[in-house]
Amino acid sequence: DKRDAEALAAAIPKKKDFRNTRMSGSEVLAKALAVAKRNGDDLSGYGEPQISLQERDGRLVWFVSFYQVPVVPGGFFTIGVDDASGQTTVYPGM
């Protein structure tokens, strides 16, 4: 019955709504591109960056991943951008 479904839905813990971010996807991408450029990365041999948003230790963190084309082992790197602070971390490919 409808009331049972509503009660069940109300009992499920709510995850943080990823639409409530401080930074937009375009702001994150601009920041990641600036970090890559500052680090001397030539992105001409890379495909379109892939952007994801994850919750890590209670914080929202954007991840912008760059993959060489064609794909080669270790031919990628990811730049993490903390949504609240804008702090960046570079994760090199392995």
C-alpha atoms as a PDB file:
ATOM      1  CA  ASP A   1       0.000   0.000   0.000  1.00  0.00           C
ATOM      2  CA  LYS A   2       1.102   3.600  -0.599  1.00  0.00           C
ATOM      3  CA  ARG A   3       1.513   4.437   3.109  1.00  0.00           C
ATOM      4  CA  ASP A   4       3.832   1.434   3.605  1.00  0.00           C
ATOM      5  CA  ALA A   5       6.002   2.547   0.658  1.00  0.00           C
ATOM      6  CA  GLU A   6       6.187   6.098   2.029  1.00  0.00           C
ATOM      7  CA  ALA A   7       7.146   4.832   5.507  1.00  0.00           C
ATOM      8  CA  LEU A   8       9.848   2.605   4.019  1.00  0.00           C
ATOM      9  CA  ALA A   9      11.231   5.478   1.924  1.00  0.00           C
ATOM     10  CA  ALA A  10      11.290   7.766   4.982  1.00  0.00           C
ATOM     11  CA  ALA A  11      13.286   5.189   6.957  1.00  0.00           C
ATOM     12  CA  ILE A  12      16.102   4.992   4.371  1.00  0.00           C
ATOM     13  CA  PRO A  13      19.054   7.240   5.327  1.00  0.00           C
ATOM     14  CA  LYS A  14      19.446  10.079   2.855  1.00  0.00           C
ATOM     15  CA  LYS A  15      22.787  10.546   1.102  1.00  0.00           C
ATOM     16  CA  LYS A  16      24.141  14.010   0.406  1.00  0.00           C
ATOM     17  CA  ASP A  17      22.526  15.358  -2.732  1.00  0.00           C
ATOM     18  CA  PHE A  18      25.374  15.836  -5.222  1.00  0.00           C
ATOM     19  CA  ARG A  19      23.450  18.654  -6.882  1.00  0.00           C
ATOM     20  CA  ASN A  20      24.197  20.815  -3.826  1.00  0.00           C
ATOM     21  CA  THR A  21      27.809  21.505  -4.715  1.00  0.00           C
ATOM     22  CA  ARG A  22      29.706  24.736  -4.212  1.00  0.00           C
ATOM     23  CA  MET A  23      31.589  24.442  -7.509  1.00  0.00           C
ATOM     24  CA  SER A  24      30.099  23.818 -10.927  1.00  0.00           C
ATOM     25  CA  GLY A  25      31.467  21.197 -13.284  1.00  0.00           C
ATOM     26  CA  SER A  26      32.852  23.916 -15.578  1.00  0.00           C
ATOM     27  CA  GLU A  27      34.653  25.603 -12.647  1.00  0.00           C
ATOM     28  CA  VAL A  28      36.174  22.267 -11.652  1.00  0.00           C
ATOM     29  CA  LEU A  29      37.299  21.556 -15.214  1.00  0.00           C
ATOM     30  CA  ALA A  30      38.874  25.026 -15.540  1.00  0.00           C
ATOM     31  CA  LYS A  31      40.750  24.516 -12.251  1.00  0.00           C
ATOM     32  CA  ALA A  32      41.979  21.038 -13.290  1.00  0.00           C
ATOM     33  CA  LEU A  33      43.123  22.301 -16.702  1.00  0.00           C
ATOM     34  CA  ALA A  34      45.027  25.151 -15.017  1.00  0.00           C
ATOM     35  CA  VAL A  35      46.772  22.666 -12.682  1.00  0.00           C
ATOM     36  CA  ALA A  36      47.695  20.391 -15.617  1.00  0.00           C
ATOM     37  CA  LYS A  37      49.077  23.359 -17.561  1.00  0.00           C
ATOM     38  CA  ARG A  38      51.032  24.609 -14.528  1.00  0.00           C
ATOM     39  CA  ASN A  39      52.517  21.096 -14.152  1.00  0.00           C
ATOM     40  CA  GLY A  40      53.626  21.154 -17.801  1.00  0.00           C
ATOM     41  CA  ASP A  41      51.258  18.446 -19.019  1.00  0.00           C
ATOM     42  CA  ASP A  42      50.690  18.510 -22.794  1.00  0.00           C
ATOM     43  CA  LEU A  43      47.034  17.539 -23.128  1.00  0.00           C
ATOM     44  CA  SER A  44      47.050  17.381 -26.938  1.00  0.00           C
ATOM     45  CA  GLY A  45      47.558  13.590 -26.785  1.00  0.00           C
ATOM     46  CA  TYR A  46      44.705  13.067 -24.329  1.00  0.00           C
ATOM     47  CA  GLY A  47      41.008  12.462 -24.908  1.00  0.00           C
ATOM     48  CA  GLU A  48      38.168  14.446 -23.372  1.00  0.00           C
ATOM     49  CA  PRO A  49      38.535  14.623 -19.593  1.00  0.00           C
ATOM     50  CA  GLN A  50      36.143  12.546 -17.526  1.00  0.00           C
ATOM     51  CA  ILE A  51      34.622  14.223 -14.473  1.00  0.00           C
ATOM     52  CA  SER A  52      33.102  12.498 -11.479  1.00  0.00           C
ATOM     53  CA  LEU A  53      31.989  13.552  -8.015  1.00  0.00           C
ATOM     54  CA  GLN A  54      32.436  11.386  -4.945  1.00  0.00           C
ATOM     55  CA  GLU A  55      32.014  11.664  -1.223  1.00  0.00           C
ATOM     56  CA  ARG A  56      35.297  11.030   0.601  1.00  0.00           C
ATOM     57  CA  ASP A  57      35.542  11.203   4.388  1.00  0.00           C
ATOM     58  CA  GLY A  58      32.375  13.308   4.536  1.00  0.00           C
ATOM     59  CA  ARG A  59      33.623  15.784   1.911  1.00  0.00           C
ATOM     60  CA  LEU A  60      32.622  16.126  -1.730  1.00  0.00           C
ATOM     61  CA  VAL A  61      35.565  15.729  -4.083  1.00  0.00           C
ATOM     62  CA  TRP A  62      35.532  16.161  -7.838  1.00  0.00           C
ATOM     63  CA  PHE A  63      37.853  13.957  -9.904  1.00  0.00           C
ATOM     64  CA  VAL A  64      38.954  15.008 -13.388  1.00  0.00           C
ATOM     65  CA  SER A  65      40.696  12.162 -15.218  1.00  0.00           C
ATOM     66  CA  PHE A  66      42.791  12.532 -18.359  1.00  0.00           C
ATOM     67  CA  TYR A  67      43.569   9.462 -20.522  1.00  0.00           C
ATOM     68  CA  GLN A  68      46.076   9.314 -23.380  1.00  0.00           C
ATOM     69  CA  VAL A  69      44.722   8.318 -26.776  1.00  0.00           C
ATOM     70  CA  PRO A  70      45.405   5.610 -27.665  1.00  0.00           C
ATOM     71  CA  VAL A  71      45.245   4.256 -24.126  1.00  0.00           C
ATOM     72  CA  VAL A  72      48.593   3.012 -22.833  1.00  0.00           C
ATOM     73  CA  PRO A  73      49.508   1.564 -19.413  1.00  0.00           C
ATOM     74  CA  GLY A  74      50.121   4.453 -17.023  1.00  0.00           C
ATOM     75  CA  GLY A  75      48.972   6.937 -19.671  1.00  0.00           C
ATOM     76  CA  PHE A  76      46.552   8.788 -17.448  1.00  0.00           C
ATOM     77  CA  PHE A  77      46.386  11.075 -14.455  1.00  0.00           C
ATOM     78  CA  THR A  78      43.628  12.437 -12.274  1.00  0.00           C
ATOM     79  CA  ILE A  79      43.248  15.760 -10.533  1.00  0.00           C
ATOM     80  CA  GLY A  80      41.094  15.825  -7.406  1.00  0.00           C
ATOM     81  CA  VAL A  81      39.353  19.085  -6.505  1.00  0.00           C
ATOM     82  CA  ASP A  82      37.816  19.510  -3.048  1.00  0.00           C
ATOM     83  CA  ASP A  83      34.364  21.039  -3.574  1.00  0.00           C
ATOM     84  CA  ALA A  84      34.415  23.139  -0.387  1.00  0.00           C
ATOM     85  CA  SER A  85      37.988  24.466  -0.460  1.00  0.00           C
ATOM     86  CA  GLY A  86      38.960  24.180  -4.133  1.00  0.00           C
ATOM     87  CA  GLN A  87      42.221  22.507  -3.032  1.00  0.00           C
ATOM     88  CA  THR A  88      43.672  20.262  -5.724  1.00  0.00           C
ATOM     89  CA  THR A  89      45.590  16.990  -5.574  1.00  0.00           C
ATOM     90  CA  VAL A  90      47.283  15.335  -8.549  1.00  0.00           C
ATOM     91  CA  TYR A  91      47.138  11.533  -8.797  1.00  0.00           C
ATOM     92  CA  PRO A  92      49.651  10.296 -11.422  1.00  0.00           C
ATOM     93  CA  GLY A  93      48.960   7.215 -13.512  1.00  0.00           C
ATOM     94  CA  MET A  94      50.586   3.986 -12.450  1.00  0.00           C
END
